[in-house]
Amino acid sequence: MASSDVHETLKGLHVLVVEDAWQVATGLKQLLEARGADVAGPVATSANAERLISQRVPDVALVDIHLLKGDTSYGLIDRLRDRGIRTVVITGYSDVSLEPGKAVAVLQKPFSEEVLLAALRPSRTE
């Protein structure tokens, strides 16, 4: 891949980031923007994610399970799926108790940039 292609890997993709760990959230935002994505957030609660979705529907959502002050994103993930928004779950836990089909991928932290980028790109069958 040419260096110019690396910076356009996610060009035109609108990504919602829902993550309560500030360092992880800002790192994800910087990485995604460097690859050409338009990033909404990061936000640390399901309510703030819903607010952003009401303003502009994302192509894909990158969502942590355990959020700020005991908030979990299971309901948010259901609503994203119901609206046809592709969801990639990121978590520090090995078992997220997520039914098959709720997310296009579940990535356990820490994950590599390559794995993240592959999960965010739409597959040819979608």
Protein backbone atom coordinates (compact mmCIF):
# COMPACT_ATOMS: atom_id res chain seq x y z
CA MET A 1 0.00 0.00 0.00
CA ALA A 2 1.42 3.37 -0.97
CA SER A 3 1.83 5.93 1.81
CA SER A 4 -0.91 8.13 0.31
CA ASP A 5 -3.29 5.12 0.38
CA VAL A 6 -2.67 4.63 4.11
CA HIS A 7 -4.05 8.09 4.83
CA GLU A 8 -7.21 7.39 2.82
CA THR A 9 -7.95 3.90 4.12
CA LEU A 10 -11.23 5.06 5.72
CA LYS A 11 -11.91 8.10 3.53
CA GLY A 12 -15.58 9.01 3.51
CA LEU A 13 -16.47 6.75 6.44
CA HIS A 14 -18.39 8.42 9.28
CA VAL A 15 -17.40 6.65 12.54
CA LEU A 16 -18.99 7.10 15.96
CA VAL A 17 -16.59 6.41 18.87
CA VAL A 18 -18.15 5.43 22.21
CA GLU A 19 -15.35 4.89 24.75
CA ASP A 20 -14.99 6.13 28.34
CA ALA A 21 -11.22 5.74 28.73
CA TRP A 22 -9.88 9.15 27.66
CA GLN A 23 -6.50 7.91 26.39
CA VAL A 24 -8.07 5.10 24.37
CA ALA A 25 -10.79 7.39 23.01
CA THR A 26 -8.46 10.15 21.89
CA GLY A 27 -6.01 7.64 20.44
CA LEU A 28 -8.80 6.04 18.40
CA LYS A 29 -10.02 9.41 17.18
CA GLN A 30 -6.53 10.46 16.07
CA LEU A 31 -5.90 7.13 14.33
CA LEU A 32 -9.24 7.14 12.51
CA GLU A 33 -8.89 10.76 11.38
CA ALA A 34 -5.35 10.07 10.18
CA ARG A 35 -6.81 7.30 8.01
CA GLY A 36 -9.39 9.65 6.49
CA ALA A 37 -12.47 8.88 8.62
CA ASP A 38 -14.90 11.54 9.79
CA VAL A 39 -15.17 10.89 13.54
CA ALA A 40 -18.11 11.71 15.81
CA GLY A 41 -17.12 11.76 19.47
CA PRO A 42 -15.60 10.27 21.37
CA VAL A 43 -18.38 10.11 23.93
CA ALA A 44 -18.35 8.19 27.21
CA THR A 45 -22.06 7.34 27.68
CA SER A 46 -24.87 5.73 25.73
CA ALA A 47 -26.98 8.89 26.13
CA ASN A 48 -24.29 11.06 24.52
CA ALA A 49 -23.92 8.50 21.73
CA GLU A 50 -27.68 8.66 21.08
CA ARG A 51 -27.44 12.45 20.91
CA LEU A 52 -24.72 12.30 18.26
CA ILE A 53 -26.64 9.67 16.28
CA SER A 54 -29.70 11.94 16.24
CA GLN A 55 -27.54 14.69 14.70
CA ARG A 56 -25.92 12.49 12.04
CA VAL A 57 -26.21 8.75 11.50
CA PRO A 58 -22.78 7.08 11.38
CA ASP A 59 -21.73 4.44 8.87
CA VAL A 60 -20.15 2.42 11.66
CA ALA A 61 -19.93 2.68 15.45
CA LEU A 62 -16.94 1.69 17.54
CA VAL A 63 -18.43 0.92 20.97
CA ASP A 64 -16.94 -0.11 24.31
CA ILE A 65 -19.21 -2.27 26.48
CA HIS A 66 -18.48 -0.79 29.91
CA LEU A 67 -18.85 2.98 29.92
CA LEU A 68 -18.76 5.86 32.39
CA LYS A 69 -20.30 5.45 35.87
CA GLY A 70 -21.54 1.89 35.36
CA ASP A 71 -23.28 2.59 32.04
CA THR A 72 -23.18 -0.34 29.62
CA SER A 73 -23.78 -0.17 25.90
CA TYR A 74 -25.90 -3.31 25.34
CA GLY A 75 -29.07 -1.28 24.69
CA LEU A 76 -27.16 1.12 22.44
CA ILE A 77 -25.77 -1.81 20.45
CA ASP A 78 -29.33 -3.15 19.99
CA ARG A 79 -30.55 0.25 18.76
CA LEU A 80 -27.58 0.60 16.39
CA ARG A 81 -28.31 -2.83 14.91
CA ASP A 82 -32.04 -2.03 14.60
CA ARG A 83 -31.10 1.07 12.59
CA GLY A 84 -28.74 -0.88 10.34
CA ILE A 85 -25.59 0.79 11.71
CA ARG A 86 -22.58 -1.52 11.62
CA THR A 87 -21.11 -1.91 15.10
CA VAL A 88 -17.63 -2.94 16.18
CA VAL A 89 -17.44 -3.70 19.90
CA ILE A 90 -14.20 -2.99 21.74
CA THR A 91 -13.67 -4.35 25.23
CA GLY A 92 -11.12 -5.17 27.86
CA TYR A 93 -13.16 -8.19 28.94
CA SER A 94 -12.87 -11.68 27.46
CA ASP A 95 -16.62 -12.39 27.74
CA VAL A 96 -19.01 -9.64 26.69
CA SER A 97 -22.18 -11.78 26.64
CA LEU A 98 -23.16 -10.43 23.24
CA GLU A 99 -25.52 -12.46 21.06
CA PRO A 100 -24.14 -13.48 17.66
CA GLY A 101 -24.97 -10.98 14.93
CA LYS A 102 -25.24 -7.96 17.25
CA ALA A 103 -21.84 -6.67 16.11
CA VAL A 104 -19.75 -7.19 12.98
CA ALA A 105 -16.71 -7.76 15.22
CA VAL A 106 -15.74 -7.91 18.89
CA LEU A 107 -12.18 -6.72 19.48
CA GLN A 108 -10.50 -7.39 22.81
CA LYS A 109 -8.14 -4.63 23.98
CA PRO A 110 -5.37 -4.27 23.17
CA PHE A 111 -5.88 -4.82 19.44
CA SER A 112 -3.69 -3.92 16.50
CA GLU A 113 -4.32 -1.08 14.09
CA GLU A 114 -4.63 -3.59 11.24
CA VAL A 115 -7.33 -5.59 13.05
CA LEU A 116 -9.25 -2.40 13.85
CA LEU A 117 -9.09 -1.10 10.28
CA ALA A 118 -10.18 -4.46 8.87
CA ALA A 119 -13.18 -4.54 11.23
CA LEU A 120 -14.26 -1.01 10.30
CA ARG A 121 -14.20 -1.55 6.55
CA PRO A 122 -17.44 -2.93 5.13
CA SER A 123 -17.08 -6.49 3.87
CA ARG A 124 -17.96 -7.20 0.28
CA THR A 125 -20.98 -9.24 1.40
CA GLU A 126 -22.64 -6.41 3.36
